């Protein structure tokens, strides 16, 4: 069995629909830990891209009360399960 000295790398993604006012401390801690272990790490904050795409007011209406109807999950599921949405239009 051949051993490789490939450097490990990790991509960490903060998915939509997180709140945009407070960044994820968990991702920052994980990023610091990985770097100390010699692991290359990149972090992507897709919730910021989603807020930019939908517009801040629309994004807030998706994720903050009184909207308790899972609207944000439904919006996101369209991209994760496109075959379901195509079949049920």
Protein backbone atom coordinates (compact mmCIF):
# COMPACT_ATOMS: atom_id res chain seq x y z
CA UNK A 1 0.00 0.00 0.00
CA UNK A 2 1.50 3.31 -1.09
CA UNK A 3 1.49 6.18 1.38
CA UNK A 4 1.08 9.70 0.11
CA UNK A 5 2.23 12.84 1.84
CA UNK A 6 -0.65 14.85 0.48
CA UNK A 7 -1.62 17.86 2.52
CA UNK A 8 -5.14 17.61 3.87
CA UNK A 9 -7.59 20.37 3.09
CA UNK A 10 -11.10 21.18 4.22
CA UNK A 11 -13.84 23.40 2.86
CA UNK A 12 -16.30 24.52 5.53
CA UNK A 13 -19.60 26.02 4.42
CA UNK A 14 -22.06 28.05 6.44
CA UNK A 15 -25.28 27.39 4.60
CA UNK A 16 -28.27 29.62 4.04
CA UNK A 17 -30.37 30.61 5.98
CA UNK A 18 -28.35 31.75 8.97
CA UNK A 19 -28.72 35.18 10.52
CA UNK A 20 -26.31 37.70 9.05
CA UNK A 21 -25.77 39.94 12.07
CA UNK A 22 -23.49 37.57 14.00
CA UNK A 23 -20.85 35.45 12.24
CA UNK A 24 -20.44 31.80 13.22
CA UNK A 25 -17.97 31.48 16.09
CA UNK A 26 -17.99 27.71 15.52
CA UNK A 27 -16.51 28.10 12.05
CA UNK A 28 -13.87 30.52 13.31
CA UNK A 29 -12.82 28.11 16.09
CA UNK A 30 -12.73 25.16 13.68
CA UNK A 31 -10.69 27.18 11.20
CA UNK A 32 -8.13 28.10 13.88
CA UNK A 33 -7.90 24.50 15.12
CA UNK A 34 -7.38 23.09 11.61
CA UNK A 35 -4.65 25.60 10.82
CA UNK A 36 -2.82 24.71 14.04
CA UNK A 37 -2.99 21.04 12.97
CA UNK A 38 -1.47 21.90 9.58
CA UNK A 39 -4.72 21.38 7.70
CA UNK A 40 -5.50 23.85 4.94
CA UNK A 41 -9.02 25.20 5.42
CA UNK A 42 -11.28 27.56 3.54
CA UNK A 43 -14.56 28.93 4.82
CA UNK A 44 -17.50 29.99 2.67
CA UNK A 45 -20.43 31.95 4.07
CA UNK A 46 -23.24 31.14 1.66
CA UNK A 47 -25.81 32.82 3.88
CA UNK A 48 -24.23 36.16 2.93
CA UNK A 49 -24.54 35.30 -0.76
CA UNK A 50 -28.19 34.34 -0.22
CA UNK A 51 -28.88 37.64 1.57
CA UNK A 52 -27.29 39.49 -1.32
CA UNK A 53 -29.27 37.48 -3.89
CA UNK A 54 -32.70 37.84 -2.23
CA UNK A 55 -32.12 41.32 -0.84
CA UNK A 56 -31.70 42.04 2.85
CA UNK A 57 -35.36 42.75 3.62
CA UNK A 58 -36.57 39.62 1.80
CA UNK A 59 -33.86 37.51 3.43
CA UNK A 60 -34.83 38.74 6.90
CA UNK A 61 -38.49 37.98 6.22
CA UNK A 62 -37.49 34.39 5.38
CA UNK A 63 -35.49 33.69 8.53
CA UNK A 64 -36.91 35.80 11.38
CA UNK A 65 -40.26 35.49 13.21
CA UNK A 66 -43.17 35.75 12.71
CA UNK A 67 -42.27 33.48 9.78
CA UNK A 68 -42.37 30.03 11.39
CA UNK A 69 -43.54 28.20 8.27
CA UNK A 70 -40.23 26.70 7.09
CA UNK A 71 -40.29 29.03 4.09
CA UNK A 72 -36.49 29.30 4.03
CA UNK A 73 -36.11 25.51 3.97
CA UNK A 74 -38.63 25.28 1.14
CA UNK A 75 -36.72 27.85 -0.90
CA UNK A 76 -33.43 26.03 -0.36
CA UNK A 77 -34.93 22.59 -1.02
CA UNK A 78 -35.76 23.65 -4.57
CA UNK A 79 -32.02 23.63 -5.34
CA UNK A 80 -31.24 20.45 -3.41
CA UNK A 81 -34.17 18.38 -4.74
CA UNK A 82 -34.99 19.85 -8.18
CA UNK A 83 -36.61 16.61 -9.37
CA UNK A 84 -39.22 16.86 -6.61
CA UNK A 85 -40.15 20.41 -7.62
CA UNK A 86 -40.25 19.58 -11.34
CA UNK A 87 -42.50 16.59 -10.69
CA UNK A 88 -44.89 18.53 -8.41
CA UNK A 89 -45.40 21.78 -10.32
